[in-house]
Amino acid sequence: MNMREVIDENDEKLTSLRKEFGDDDEVYKAVIRASNELNEHNPSGRYPVPELWNPLEGRKASLKEGVSHILKLWKLKKRKRDATHIFSDSIDEFIHDWEDS
């Protein structure tokens, strides 16, 4: 047996949403889409589940995109850390040389 949730068009909250925003179906559709996505990811609890998001394209990000982004952030942080060490090592060397002279 296959069960599926059906949205009640006459739901009190949905009808008040339509009254508040008038004929703007975009808001109504966004609420329905969000409800369906919550059910898709976690049908038993209906609580939000974090997911990778591609804000430039307005869609879920693929795993490949997520890994690529994390690697980019990691390399950037590593580069900054390495630059900080180089700078602090240079200062330490300068102070040591200055003290010896």
PDB file of N, CA and C in Angstrom:
ATOM      1  N   MET A   1       0.833  -1.170   0.000  1.00  0.00           N
ATOM      2  CA  MET A   1       0.000   0.000   0.000  1.00  0.00           C
ATOM      3  C   MET A   1       0.886   1.243   0.000  1.00  0.00           C
ATOM      4  N   ASN A   2       0.624   2.154  -0.894  1.00  0.00           N
ATOM      5  CA  ASN A   2       1.381   3.392  -1.009  1.00  0.00           C
ATOM      6  C   ASN A   2       0.569   4.542  -0.449  1.00  0.00           C
ATOM      7  N   MET A   3       1.093   5.208   0.584  1.00  0.00           N
ATOM      8  CA  MET A   3       0.362   6.332   1.169  1.00  0.00           C
ATOM      9  C   MET A   3       1.027   7.633   0.752  1.00  0.00           C
ATOM     10  N   ARG A   4       0.207   8.641   0.616  1.00  0.00           N
ATOM     11  CA  ARG A   4       0.704   9.947   0.211  1.00  0.00           C
ATOM     12  C   ARG A   4      -0.066  11.025   0.946  1.00  0.00           C
ATOM     13  N   GLU A   5       0.626  12.063   1.365  1.00  0.00           N
ATOM     14  CA  GLU A   5      -0.053  13.162   2.037  1.00  0.00           C
ATOM     15  C   GLU A   5      -0.680  14.073   0.989  1.00  0.00           C
ATOM     16  N   VAL A   6      -1.897  14.469   1.266  1.00  0.00           N
ATOM     17  CA  VAL A   6      -2.606  15.370   0.358  1.00  0.00           C
ATOM     18  C   VAL A   6      -2.821  16.680   1.100  1.00  0.00           C
ATOM     19  N   ILE A   7      -2.569  17.787   0.421  1.00  0.00           N
ATOM     20  CA  ILE A   7      -2.730  19.102   1.035  1.00  0.00           C
ATOM     21  C   ILE A   7      -4.201  19.491   1.005  1.00  0.00           C
ATOM     22  N   ASP A   8      -4.714  19.888   2.141  1.00  0.00           N
ATOM     23  CA  ASP A   8      -6.100  20.318   2.257  1.00  0.00           C
ATOM     24  C   ASP A   8      -6.188  21.784   1.827  1.00  0.00           C
ATOM     25  N   GLU A   9      -6.776  22.014   0.683  1.00  0.00           N
ATOM     26  CA  GLU A   9      -6.902  23.367   0.135  1.00  0.00           C
ATOM     27  C   GLU A   9      -7.697  24.291   1.059  1.00  0.00           C
ATOM     28  N   ASN A  10      -8.559  23.723   1.896  1.00  0.00           N
ATOM     29  CA  ASN A  10      -9.403  24.520   2.787  1.00  0.00           C
ATOM     30  C   ASN A  10      -8.811  24.658   4.190  1.00  0.00           C
ATOM     31  N   ASP A  11      -7.535  24.290   4.342  1.00  0.00           N
ATOM     32  CA  ASP A  11      -6.867  24.416   5.624  1.00  0.00           C
ATOM     33  C   ASP A  11      -6.931  25.867   6.093  1.00  0.00           C
ATOM     34  N   GLU A  12      -7.172  26.038   7.384  1.00  0.00           N
ATOM     35  CA  GLU A  12      -7.345  27.377   7.954  1.00  0.00           C
ATOM     36  C   GLU A  12      -6.137  28.287   7.705  1.00  0.00           C
ATOM     37  N   LYS A  13      -4.949  27.742   7.914  1.00  0.00           N
ATOM     38  CA  LYS A  13      -3.734  28.545   7.723  1.00  0.00           C
ATOM     39  C   LYS A  13      -3.509  28.886   6.252  1.00  0.00           C
ATOM     40  N   LEU A  14      -3.791  27.943   5.366  1.00  0.00           N
ATOM     41  CA  LEU A  14      -3.619  28.210   3.944  1.00  0.00           C
ATOM     42  C   LEU A  14      -4.625  29.240   3.442  1.00  0.00           C
ATOM     43  N   THR A  15      -5.863  29.154   3.908  1.00  0.00           N
ATOM     44  CA  THR A  15      -6.861  30.134   3.473  1.00  0.00           C
ATOM     45  C   THR A  15      -6.523  31.525   4.006  1.00  0.00           C
ATOM     46  N   SER A  16      -6.005  31.604   5.240  1.00  0.00           N
ATOM     47  CA  SER A  16      -5.618  32.918   5.767  1.00  0.00           C
ATOM     48  C   SER A  16      -4.410  33.464   5.009  1.00  0.00           C
ATOM     49  N   LEU A  17      -3.537  32.581   4.570  1.00  0.00           N
ATOM     50  CA  LEU A  17      -2.393  32.987   3.752  1.00  0.00           C
ATOM     51  C   LEU A  17      -2.875  33.585   2.431  1.00  0.00           C
ATOM     52  N   ARG A  18      -3.831  32.931   1.818  1.00  0.00           N
ATOM     53  CA  ARG A  18      -4.385  33.439   0.555  1.00  0.00           C
ATOM     54  C   ARG A  18      -5.089  34.783   0.761  1.00  0.00           C
ATOM     55  N   LYS A  19      -5.773  34.922   1.875  1.00  0.00           N
ATOM     56  CA  LYS A  19      -6.449  36.198   2.162  1.00  0.00           C
ATOM     57  C   LYS A  19      -5.423  37.310   2.353  1.00  0.00           C
ATOM     58  N   GLU A  20      -4.352  36.986   3.074  1.00  0.00           N
ATOM     59  CA  GLU A  20      -3.337  37.995   3.378  1.00  0.00           C
ATOM     60  C   GLU A  20      -2.580  38.449   2.133  1.00  0.00           C
ATOM     61  N   PHE A  21      -2.251  37.504   1.240  1.00  0.00           N
ATOM     62  CA  PHE A  21      -1.450  37.837   0.068  1.00  0.00           C
ATOM     63  C   PHE A  21      -2.264  37.927  -1.214  1.00  0.00           C
ATOM     64  N   GLY A  22      -3.545  37.769  -1.109  1.00  0.00           N
ATOM     65  CA  GLY A  22      -4.421  37.925  -2.273  1.00  0.00           C
ATOM     66  C   GLY A  22      -4.181  36.858  -3.325  1.00  0.00           C
ATOM     67  N   ASP A  23      -4.186  37.278  -4.564  1.00  0.00           N
ATOM     68  CA  ASP A  23      -4.066  36.339  -5.686  1.00  0.00           C
ATOM     69  C   ASP A  23      -2.627  35.949  -6.001  1.00  0.00           C
ATOM     70  N   ASP A  24      -1.709  36.337  -5.135  1.00  0.00           N
ATOM     71  CA  ASP A  24      -0.298  36.022  -5.368  1.00  0.00           C
ATOM     72  C   ASP A  24      -0.063  34.540  -5.080  1.00  0.00           C
ATOM     73  N   ASP A  25      -0.166  33.727  -6.107  1.00  0.00           N
ATOM     74  CA  ASP A  25       0.000  32.271  -5.942  1.00  0.00           C
ATOM     75  C   ASP A  25       1.440  31.880  -5.628  1.00  0.00           C
ATOM     76  N   GLU A  26       2.368  32.786  -5.846  1.00  0.00           N
ATOM     77  CA  GLU A  26       3.767  32.463  -5.626  1.00  0.00           C
ATOM     78  C   GLU A  26       4.039  32.159  -4.142  1.00  0.00           C
ATOM     79  N   VAL A  27       3.445  32.939  -3.255  1.00  0.00           N
ATOM     80  CA  VAL A  27       3.617  32.713  -1.817  1.00  0.00           C
ATOM     81  C   VAL A  27       2.984  31.381  -1.428  1.00  0.00           C
ATOM     82  N   TYR A  28       1.780  31.141  -1.897  1.00  0.00           N
ATOM     83  CA  TYR A  28       1.068  29.896  -1.604  1.00  0.00           C
ATOM     84  C   TYR A  28       1.883  28.698  -2.100  1.00  0.00           C
ATOM     85  N   LYS A  29       2.378  28.786  -3.331  1.00  0.00           N
ATOM     86  CA  LYS A  29       3.162  27.683  -3.902  1.00  0.00           C
ATOM     87  C   LYS A  29       4.454  27.457  -3.124  1.00  0.00           C
ATOM     88  N   ALA A  30       5.069  28.541  -2.627  1.00  0.00           N
ATOM     89  CA  ALA A  30       6.303  28.398  -1.845  1.00  0.00           C
ATOM     90  C   ALA A  30       6.038  27.645  -0.544  1.00  0.00           C
ATOM     91  N   VAL A  31       4.908  27.936   0.098  1.00  0.00           N
ATOM     92  CA  VAL A  31       4.555  27.252   1.341  1.00  0.00           C
ATOM     93  C   VAL A  31       4.285  25.769   1.068  1.00  0.00           C
ATOM     94  N   ILE A  32       3.562  25.483   0.006  1.00  0.00           N
ATOM     95  CA  ILE A  32       3.265  24.090  -0.359  1.00  0.00           C
ATOM     96  C   ILE A  32       4.563  23.353  -0.688  1.00  0.00           C
ATOM     97  N   ARG A  33       5.454  24.000  -1.442  1.00  0.00           N
ATOM     98  CA  ARG A  33       6.730  23.383  -1.813  1.00  0.00           C
ATOM     99  C   ARG A  33       7.552  23.082  -0.555  1.00  0.00           C
ATOM    100  N   ALA A  34       7.593  24.030   0.381  1.00  0.00           N
ATOM    101  CA  ALA A  34       8.353  23.821   1.621  1.00  0.00           C
ATOM    102  C   ALA A  34       7.773  22.653   2.420  1.00  0.00           C
ATOM    103  N   SER A  35       6.456  22.578   2.490  1.00  0.00           N
ATOM    104  CA  SER A  35       5.810  21.476   3.205  1.00  0.00           C
ATOM    105  C   SER A  35       6.146  20.131   2.555  1.00  0.00           C
ATOM    106  N   ASN A  36       6.099  20.085   1.241  1.00  0.00           N
ATOM    107  CA  ASN A  36       6.432  18.845   0.526  1.00  0.00           C
ATOM    108  C   ASN A  36       7.890  18.460   0.736  1.00  0.00           C
ATOM    109  N   GLU A  37       8.789  19.452   0.749  1.00  0.00           N
ATOM    110  CA  GLU A  37      10.209  19.151   0.953  1.00  0.00           C
ATOM    111  C   GLU A  37      10.464  18.638   2.365  1.00  0.00           C
ATOM    112  N   LEU A  38       9.777  19.208   3.350  1.00  0.00           N
ATOM    113  CA  LEU A  38       9.921  18.702   4.720  1.00  0.00           C
ATOM    114  C   LEU A  38       9.485  17.244   4.791  1.00  0.00           C
ATOM    115  N   ASN A  39       8.389  16.921   4.137  1.00  0.00           N
ATOM    116  CA  ASN A  39       7.910  15.539   4.130  1.00  0.00           C
ATOM    117  C   ASN A  39       8.855  14.619   3.385  1.00  0.00           C
ATOM    118  N   GLU A  40       9.430  15.124   2.310  1.00  0.00           N
ATOM    119  CA  GLU A  40      10.348  14.315   1.500  1.00  0.00           C
ATOM    120  C   GLU A  40      11.583  13.936   2.307  1.00  0.00           C
ATOM    121  N   HIS A  41      12.123  14.875   3.072  1.00  0.00           N
ATOM    122  CA  HIS A  41      13.365  14.630   3.804  1.00  0.00           C
ATOM    123  C   HIS A  41      13.148  13.977   5.159  1.00  0.00           C
ATOM    124  N   ASN A  42      12.021  14.253   5.777  1.00  0.00           N
ATOM    125  CA  ASN A  42      11.783  13.694   7.091  1.00  0.00           C
ATOM    126  C   ASN A  42      10.284  13.578   7.346  1.00  0.00           C
ATOM    127  N   PRO A  43       9.653  12.561   6.783  1.00  0.00           N
ATOM    128  CA  PRO A  43       8.201  12.439   6.889  1.00  0.00           C
ATOM    129  C   PRO A  43       7.687  12.189   8.306  1.00  0.00           C
ATOM    130  N   SER A  44       8.524  11.677   9.176  1.00  0.00           N
ATOM    131  CA  SER A  44       8.032  11.350  10.516  1.00  0.00           C
ATOM    132  C   SER A  44       8.040  12.536  11.470  1.00  0.00           C
ATOM    133  N   GLY A  45       8.948  13.489  11.269  1.00  0.00           N
ATOM    134  CA  GLY A  45       9.085  14.545  12.257  1.00  0.00           C
ATOM    135  C   GLY A  45       8.719  15.935  11.788  1.00  0.00           C
ATOM    136  N   ARG A  46       8.765  16.176  10.513  1.00  0.00           N
ATOM    137  CA  ARG A  46       8.464  17.494   9.948  1.00  0.00           C
ATOM    138  C   ARG A  46       9.307  18.608  10.544  1.00  0.00           C
ATOM    139  N   TYR A  47      10.546  18.338  10.804  1.00  0.00           N
ATOM    140  CA  TYR A  47      11.428  19.404  11.248  1.00  0.00           C
ATOM    141  C   TYR A  47      12.465  19.627  10.152  1.00  0.00           C
ATOM    142  N   PRO A  48      12.972  20.841  10.057  1.00  0.00           N
ATOM    143  CA  PRO A  48      13.904  21.144   8.976  1.00  0.00           C
ATOM    144  C   PRO A  48      15.192  20.335   9.082  1.00  0.00           C
ATOM    145  N   VAL A  49      15.696  19.932   7.947  1.00  0.00           N
ATOM    146  CA  VAL A  49      16.932  19.179   7.859  1.00  0.00           C
ATOM    147  C   VAL A  49      17.908  19.999   7.024  1.00  0.00           C
ATOM    148  N   PRO A  50      19.119  20.250   7.527  1.00  0.00           N
ATOM    149  CA  PRO A  50      20.061  21.046   6.736  1.00  0.00           C
ATOM    150  C   PRO A  50      20.419  20.338   5.436  1.00  0.00           C
ATOM    151  N   GLU A  51      20.586  21.128   4.389  1.00  0.00           N
ATOM    152  CA  GLU A  51      20.997  20.560   3.109  1.00  0.00           C
ATOM    153  C   GLU A  51      21.895  21.537   2.389  1.00  0.00           C
ATOM    154  N   LEU A  52      22.674  21.008   1.489  1.00  0.00           N
ATOM    155  CA  LEU A  52      23.543  21.856   0.676  1.00  0.00           C
ATOM    156  C   LEU A  52      22.675  22.661  -0.277  1.00  0.00           C
ATOM    157  N   TRP A  53      23.000  23.938  -0.443  1.00  0.00           N
ATOM    158  CA  TRP A  53      22.179  24.799  -1.287  1.00  0.00           C
ATOM    159  C   TRP A  53      23.069  25.605  -2.205  1.00  0.00           C
ATOM    160  N   ASN A  54      22.687  25.707  -3.453  1.00  0.00           N
ATOM    161  CA  ASN A  54      23.392  26.535  -4.417  1.00  0.00           C
ATOM    162  C   ASN A  54      22.604  27.833  -4.571  1.00  0.00           C
ATOM    163  N   PRO A  55      23.000  28.906  -3.850  1.00  0.00           N
ATOM    164  CA  PRO A  55      22.216  30.137  -3.875  1.00  0.00           C
ATOM    165  C   PRO A  55      22.266  30.855  -5.224  1.00  0.00           C
ATOM    166  N   LEU A  56      23.316  30.634  -5.987  1.00  0.00           N
ATOM    167  CA  LEU A  56      23.414  31.294  -7.292  1.00  0.00           C
ATOM    168  C   LEU A  56      22.378  30.763  -8.272  1.00  0.00           C
ATOM    169  N   GLU A  57      22.072  29.471  -8.151  1.00  0.00           N
ATOM    170  CA  GLU A  57      21.122  28.855  -9.072  1.00  0.00           C
ATOM    171  C   GLU A  57      19.774  28.558  -8.415  1.00  0.00           C
ATOM    172  N   GLY A  58      19.646  28.861  -7.106  1.00  0.00           N
ATOM    173  CA  GLY A  58      18.382  28.686  -6.408  1.00  0.00           C
ATOM    174  C   GLY A  58      17.898  27.245  -6.359  1.00  0.00           C
ATOM    175  N   ARG A  59      18.826  26.320  -6.075  1.00  0.00           N
ATOM    176  CA  ARG A  59      18.459  24.902  -6.043  1.00  0.00           C
ATOM    177  C   ARG A  59      19.367  24.160  -5.069  1.00  0.00           C
ATOM    178  N   LYS A  60      19.009  22.904  -4.818  1.00  0.00           N
ATOM    179  CA  LYS A  60      19.872  22.071  -3.986  1.00  0.00           C
ATOM    180  C   LYS A  60      21.202  21.886  -4.703  1.00  0.00           C
ATOM    181  N   ALA A  61      22.259  21.865  -3.937  1.00  0.00           N
ATOM    182  CA  ALA A  61      23.580  21.633  -4.511  1.00  0.00           C
ATOM    183  C   ALA A  61      23.857  20.134  -4.548  1.00  0.00           C
ATOM    184  N   SER A  62      24.610  19.732  -5.533  1.00  0.00           N
ATOM    185  CA  SER A  62      24.996  18.320  -5.610  1.00  0.00           C
ATOM    186  C   SER A  62      26.116  18.063  -4.605  1.00  0.00           C
ATOM    187  N   LEU A  63      26.356  16.816  -4.315  1.00  0.00           N
ATOM    188  CA  LEU A  63      27.433  16.448  -3.413  1.00  0.00           C
ATOM    189  C   LEU A  63      28.767  16.939  -3.966  1.00  0.00           C
ATOM    190  N   LYS A  64      28.944  16.812  -5.262  1.00  0.00           N
ATOM    191  CA  LYS A  64      30.182  17.250  -5.916  1.00  0.00           C
ATOM    192  C   LYS A  64      30.401  18.753  -5.700  1.00  0.00           C
ATOM    193  N   GLU A  65      29.332  19.544  -5.835  1.00  0.00           N
ATOM    194  CA  GLU A  65      29.444  20.981  -5.613  1.00  0.00           C
ATOM    195  C   GLU A  65      29.803  21.291  -4.161  1.00  0.00           C
ATOM    196  N   GLY A  66      29.206  20.562  -3.233  1.00  0.00           N
ATOM    197  CA  GLY A  66      29.486  20.761  -1.816  1.00  0.00           C
ATOM    198  C   GLY A  66      30.935  20.456  -1.474  1.00  0.00           C
ATOM    199  N   VAL A  67      31.428  19.330  -1.968  1.00  0.00           N
ATOM    200  CA  VAL A  67      32.821  18.945  -1.710  1.00  0.00           C
ATOM    201  C   VAL A  67      33.764  19.957  -2.334  1.00  0.00           C
ATOM    202  N   SER A  68      33.461  20.392  -3.541  1.00  0.00           N
ATOM    203  CA  SER A  68      34.283  21.385  -4.220  1.00  0.00           C
ATOM    204  C   SER A  68      34.361  22.684  -3.411  1.00  0.00           C
ATOM    205  N   HIS A  69      33.223  23.115  -2.887  1.00  0.00           N
ATOM    206  CA  HIS A  69      33.182  24.339  -2.088  1.00  0.00           C
ATOM    207  C   HIS A  69      33.990  24.191  -0.795  1.00  0.00           C
ATOM    208  N   ILE A  70      33.849  23.059  -0.133  1.00  0.00           N
ATOM    209  CA  ILE A  70      34.591  22.820   1.109  1.00  0.00           C
ATOM    210  C   ILE A  70      36.096  22.799   0.836  1.00  0.00           C
ATOM    211  N   LEU A  71      36.508  22.152  -0.253  1.00  0.00           N
ATOM    212  CA  LEU A  71      37.934  22.129  -0.600  1.00  0.00           C
ATOM    213  C   LEU A  71      38.462  23.534  -0.883  1.00  0.00           C
ATOM    214  N   LYS A  72      37.640  24.352  -1.569  1.00  0.00           N
ATOM    215  CA  LYS A  72      38.033  25.731  -1.851  1.00  0.00           C
ATOM    216  C   LYS A  72      38.244  26.503  -0.546  1.00  0.00           C
ATOM    217  N   LEU A  73      37.304  26.367   0.394  1.00  0.00           N
ATOM    218  CA  LEU A  73      37.426  27.042   1.687  1.00  0.00           C
ATOM    219  C   LEU A  73      38.648  26.556   2.460  1.00  0.00           C
ATOM    220  N   TRP A  74      38.892  25.254   2.410  1.00  0.00           N
ATOM    221  CA  TRP A  74      40.027  24.665   3.119  1.00  0.00           C
ATOM    222  C   TRP A  74      41.342  25.194   2.552  1.00  0.00           C
ATOM    223  N   LYS A  75      41.456  25.242   1.215  1.00  0.00           N
ATOM    224  CA  LYS A  75      42.676  25.744   0.587  1.00  0.00           C
ATOM    225  C   LYS A  75      42.901  27.216   0.912  1.00  0.00           C
ATOM    226  N   LEU A  76      41.822  27.995   0.914  1.00  0.00           N
ATOM    227  CA  LEU A  76      41.928  29.412   1.236  1.00  0.00           C
ATOM    228  C   LEU A  76      42.403  29.600   2.671  1.00  0.00           C
ATOM    229  N   LYS A  77      41.835  28.840   3.589  1.00  0.00           N
ATOM    230  CA  LYS A  77      42.225  28.940   5.003  1.00  0.00           C
ATOM    231  C   LYS A  77      43.675  28.483   5.176  1.00  0.00           C
ATOM    232  N   LYS A  78      44.049  27.431   4.480  1.00  0.00           N
ATOM    233  CA  LYS A  78      45.416  26.918   4.562  1.00  0.00           C
ATOM    234  C   LYS A  78      46.391  27.967   4.040  1.00  0.00           C
ATOM    235  N   ARG A  79      46.041  28.615   2.931  1.00  0.00           N
ATOM    236  CA  ARG A  79      46.892  29.637   2.339  1.00  0.00           C
ATOM    237  C   ARG A  79      47.078  30.804   3.311  1.00  0.00           C
ATOM    238  N   LYS A  80      45.972  31.216   3.971  1.00  0.00           N
ATOM    239  CA  LYS A  80      46.054  32.311   4.944  1.00  0.00           C
ATOM    240  C   LYS A  80      46.927  31.903   6.130  1.00  0.00           C
ATOM    241  N   ARG A  81      46.740  30.655   6.596  1.00  0.00           N
ATOM    242  CA  ARG A  81      47.521  30.165   7.726  1.00  0.00           C
ATOM    243  C   ARG A  81      49.003  30.117   7.375  1.00  0.00           C
ATOM    244  N   ASP A  82      49.316  29.630   6.168  1.00  0.00           N
ATOM    245  CA  ASP A  82      50.711  29.552   5.725  1.00  0.00           C
ATOM    246  C   ASP A  82      51.312  30.947   5.617  1.00  0.00           C
ATOM    247  N   ALA A  83      50.540  31.895   5.102  1.00  0.00           N
ATOM    248  CA  ALA A  83      51.029  33.267   4.969  1.00  0.00           C
ATOM    249  C   ALA A  83      51.295  33.868   6.341  1.00  0.00           C
ATOM    250  N   THR A  84      50.460  33.573   7.307  1.00  0.00           N
ATOM    251  CA  THR A  84      50.646  34.084   8.665  1.00  0.00           C
ATOM    252  C   THR A  84      51.924  33.513   9.266  1.00  0.00           C
ATOM    253  N   HIS A  85      52.163  32.219   9.046  1.00  0.00           N
ATOM    254  CA  HIS A  85      53.379  31.600   9.581  1.00  0.00           C
ATOM    255  C   HIS A  85      54.619  32.196   8.932  1.00  0.00           C
ATOM    256  N   ILE A  86      54.573  32.416   7.637  1.00  0.00           N
ATOM    257  CA  ILE A  86      55.718  32.996   6.929  1.00  0.00           C
ATOM    258  C   ILE A  86      56.003  34.375   7.485  1.00  0.00           C
ATOM    259  N   PHE A  87      54.973  35.181   7.662  1.00  0.00           N
ATOM    260  CA  PHE A  87      55.135  36.536   8.178  1.00  0.00           C
ATOM    261  C   PHE A  87      55.679  36.519   9.595  1.00  0.00           C
ATOM    262  N   SER A  88      55.103  35.678  10.469  1.00  0.00           N
ATOM    263  CA  SER A  88      55.566  35.642  11.864  1.00  0.00           C
ATOM    264  C   SER A  88      56.972  35.067  11.951  1.00  0.00           C
ATOM    265  N   ASP A  89      57.315  34.097  11.085  1.00  0.00           N
ATOM    266  CA  ASP A  89      58.670  33.550  11.074  1.00  0.00           C
ATOM    267  C   ASP A  89      59.668  34.618  10.657  1.00  0.00           C
ATOM    268  N   SER A  90      59.291  35.444   9.674  1.00  0.00           N
ATOM    269  CA  SER A  90      60.171  36.519   9.209  1.00  0.00           C
ATOM    270  C   SER A  90      60.422  37.527  10.324  1.00  0.00           C
ATOM    271  N   ILE A  91      59.390  37.871  11.066  1.00  0.00           N
ATOM    272  CA  ILE A  91      59.527  38.814  12.172  1.00  0.00           C
ATOM    273  C   ILE A  91      60.434  38.224  13.254  1.00  0.00           C
ATOM    274  N   ASP A  92      60.211  36.949  13.572  1.00  0.00           N
ATOM    275  CA  ASP A  92      61.046  36.292  14.575  1.00  0.00           C
ATOM    276  C   ASP A  92      62.508  36.291  14.146  1.00  0.00           C
ATOM    277  N   GLU A  93      62.763  36.003  12.863  1.00  0.00           N
ATOM    278  CA  GLU A  93      64.124  36.009  12.336  1.00  0.00           C
ATOM    279  C   GLU A  93      64.731  37.396  12.433  1.00  0.00           C
ATOM    280  N   PHE A  94      63.954  38.405  12.064  1.00  0.00           N
ATOM    281  CA  PHE A  94      64.420  39.788  12.103  1.00  0.00           C
ATOM    282  C   PHE A  94      64.796  40.183  13.531  1.00  0.00           C
ATOM    283  N   ILE A  95      63.919  39.855  14.499  1.00  0.00           N
ATOM    284  CA  ILE A  95      64.188  40.199  15.906  1.00  0.00           C
ATOM    285  C   ILE A  95      65.431  39.460  16.400  1.00  0.00           C
ATOM    286  N   HIS A  96      65.528  38.179  16.033  1.00  0.00           N
ATOM    287  CA  HIS A  96      66.703  37.387  16.467  1.00  0.00           C
ATOM    288  C   HIS A  96      67.989  37.981  15.895  1.00  0.00           C
ATOM    289  N   ASP A  97      67.976  38.315  14.586  1.00  0.00           N
ATOM    290  CA  ASP A  97      69.156  38.918  13.954  1.00  0.00           C
ATOM    291  C   ASP A  97      69.489  40.265  14.579  1.00  0.00           C
ATOM    292  N   TRP A  98      68.485  41.046  14.879  1.00  0.00           N
ATOM    293  CA  TRP A  98      68.665  42.372  15.443  1.00  0.00           C
ATOM    294  C   TRP A  98      69.274  42.279  16.854  1.00  0.00           C
ATOM    295  N   GLU A  99      68.793  41.285  17.618  1.00  0.00           N
ATOM    296  CA  GLU A  99      69.313  41.092  18.978  1.00  0.00           C
ATOM    297  C   GLU A  99      70.769  40.646  18.954  1.00  0.00           C
ATOM    298  N   ASP A 100      71.147  39.855  17.926  1.00  0.00           N
ATOM    299  CA  ASP A 100      72.508  39.350  17.822  1.00  0.00           C
ATOM    300  C   ASP A 100      73.486  40.441  17.395  1.00  0.00           C
ATOM    301  N   SER A 101      72.990  41.473  16.741  1.00  0.00           N
ATOM    302  CA  SER A 101      73.931  42.503  16.249  1.00  0.00           C
ATOM    303  C   SER A 101      74.225  43.556  17.266  1.00  0.00           C
TER     304      SER A 101
END
